[in-house]
Amino acid sequence: MAEIYKYHLFFCTHLRDDGSQSCAEDDAQALRDYAKQRVKALNIAKVRVNNAGCLNRCKLGPIMVIYPEGIWYQYHDKADIDEIIDSHLMQGKIVKRLLK
């Protein structure tokens, strides 16, 4: 079977009802949207950017995971997203400073 995606990115965009820390409080949705736009603008093939519900790493948020490797990243801003895209998706190099 042909490979559909080389990388599949899941961004936790969950907002907790009880007021405890969650990724949504840290602009996760806007940064996920930015990542999707950047991947599209750079015309990177076989990459899918998705929202995810709670990934159970709330205190580390905002958090994302990239499959198939299962690499977890904590990010804070567009510069971090750009670095993940440039290094991990385009060059196949893990961004060690953002690993969680």
Protein backbone atom coordinates (compact mmCIF):
# COMPACT_ATOMS: atom_id res chain seq x y z
CA MET A 1 0.00 0.00 0.00
CA ALA A 2 1.30 3.45 -0.90
CA GLU A 3 2.33 5.80 1.87
CA ILE A 4 -0.38 8.40 2.48
CA TYR A 5 1.51 10.63 4.92
CA LYS A 6 5.17 10.84 5.74
CA TYR A 7 4.39 12.87 8.87
CA HIS A 8 1.18 13.28 10.83
CA LEU A 9 1.16 16.13 13.36
CA PHE A 10 -1.31 16.17 16.23
CA PHE A 11 -1.67 19.42 18.18
CA CYS A 12 -3.47 19.23 21.51
CA THR A 13 -6.05 22.03 21.40
CA HIS A 14 -8.05 20.84 24.41
CA LEU A 15 -9.61 23.31 26.87
CA ARG A 16 -10.35 21.89 30.32
CA ASP A 17 -13.74 22.71 31.82
CA ASP A 18 -12.40 22.69 35.39
CA GLY A 19 -10.01 25.61 34.84
CA SER A 20 -6.86 23.52 35.20
CA GLN A 21 -3.96 24.03 32.81
CA SER A 22 -4.61 23.05 29.21
CA CYS A 23 -2.98 23.58 25.84
CA ALA A 24 -5.82 25.76 24.55
CA GLU A 25 -4.86 28.45 27.06
CA ASP A 26 -1.45 28.74 25.39
CA ASP A 27 -2.70 29.64 21.90
CA ALA A 28 -2.52 26.02 20.72
CA GLN A 29 -5.30 26.45 18.14
CA ALA A 30 -3.75 29.55 16.57
CA LEU A 31 -0.31 27.92 16.45
CA ARG A 32 -1.77 24.73 14.97
CA ASP A 33 -3.49 26.85 12.32
CA TYR A 34 -0.18 28.60 11.66
CA ALA A 35 1.60 25.24 11.25
CA LYS A 36 -1.03 24.05 8.78
CA GLN A 37 -0.71 27.27 6.77
CA ARG A 38 3.11 27.06 6.74
CA VAL A 39 3.14 23.42 5.60
CA LYS A 40 0.74 24.33 2.81
CA ALA A 41 2.67 27.51 1.83
CA LEU A 42 5.94 25.56 1.70
CA ASN A 43 4.20 22.87 -0.37
CA ILE A 44 5.52 20.06 1.85
CA ALA A 45 4.09 16.82 0.50
CA LYS A 46 2.60 14.03 2.57
CA VAL A 47 2.20 16.02 5.80
CA ARG A 48 -1.08 16.20 7.69
CA VAL A 49 -1.68 18.73 10.50
CA ASN A 50 -4.55 17.88 12.86
CA ASN A 51 -6.22 19.02 16.06
CA ALA A 52 -6.21 16.49 18.86
CA GLY A 53 -8.17 16.23 22.04
CA CYS A 54 -6.32 15.98 25.32
CA LEU A 55 -3.00 14.17 24.97
CA ASN A 56 -2.63 13.91 28.79
CA ARG A 57 0.47 16.09 29.03
CA CYS A 58 -1.32 19.23 30.19
CA LYS A 59 1.47 20.52 32.44
CA LEU A 60 3.90 20.37 29.50
CA GLY A 61 1.64 22.27 27.11
CA PRO A 62 1.27 23.41 24.55
CA ILE A 63 2.19 20.01 23.20
CA MET A 64 2.19 18.18 19.88
CA VAL A 65 3.23 14.75 18.69
CA ILE A 66 4.56 13.78 15.27
CA TYR A 67 3.97 10.31 13.89
CA PRO A 68 5.14 7.85 12.75
CA GLU A 69 8.13 8.41 15.06
CA GLY A 70 6.06 9.41 18.09
CA ILE A 71 8.18 12.51 18.74
CA TRP A 72 6.67 14.88 21.35
CA TYR A 73 7.38 18.61 21.19
CA GLN A 74 6.54 21.51 23.47
CA TYR A 75 6.33 24.78 21.53
CA HIS A 76 5.59 28.38 22.51
CA ASP A 77 5.48 30.55 19.42
CA LYS A 78 5.67 30.73 15.64
CA ALA A 79 9.46 30.57 15.73
CA ASP A 80 9.27 27.16 17.45
CA ILE A 81 6.74 25.95 14.87
CA ASP A 82 9.00 27.20 12.05
CA GLU A 83 11.96 25.36 13.57
CA ILE A 84 9.99 22.11 13.85
CA ILE A 85 8.81 22.42 10.24
CA ASP A 86 12.24 23.38 8.86
CA SER A 87 14.23 20.85 10.86
CA HIS A 88 11.96 17.86 11.46
CA LEU A 89 9.63 17.88 8.47
CA MET A 90 11.97 19.21 5.79
CA GLN A 91 15.34 17.86 6.95
CA GLY A 92 14.36 14.87 9.07
CA LYS A 93 16.25 16.25 12.09
CA ILE A 94 14.67 16.24 15.55
CA VAL A 95 14.60 19.59 17.37
CA LYS A 96 16.16 18.43 20.64
CA ARG A 97 15.57 21.65 22.60
CA LEU A 98 11.79 21.28 22.16
CA LEU A 99 11.52 17.56 23.01
CA LYS A 100 9.18 16.50 25.79
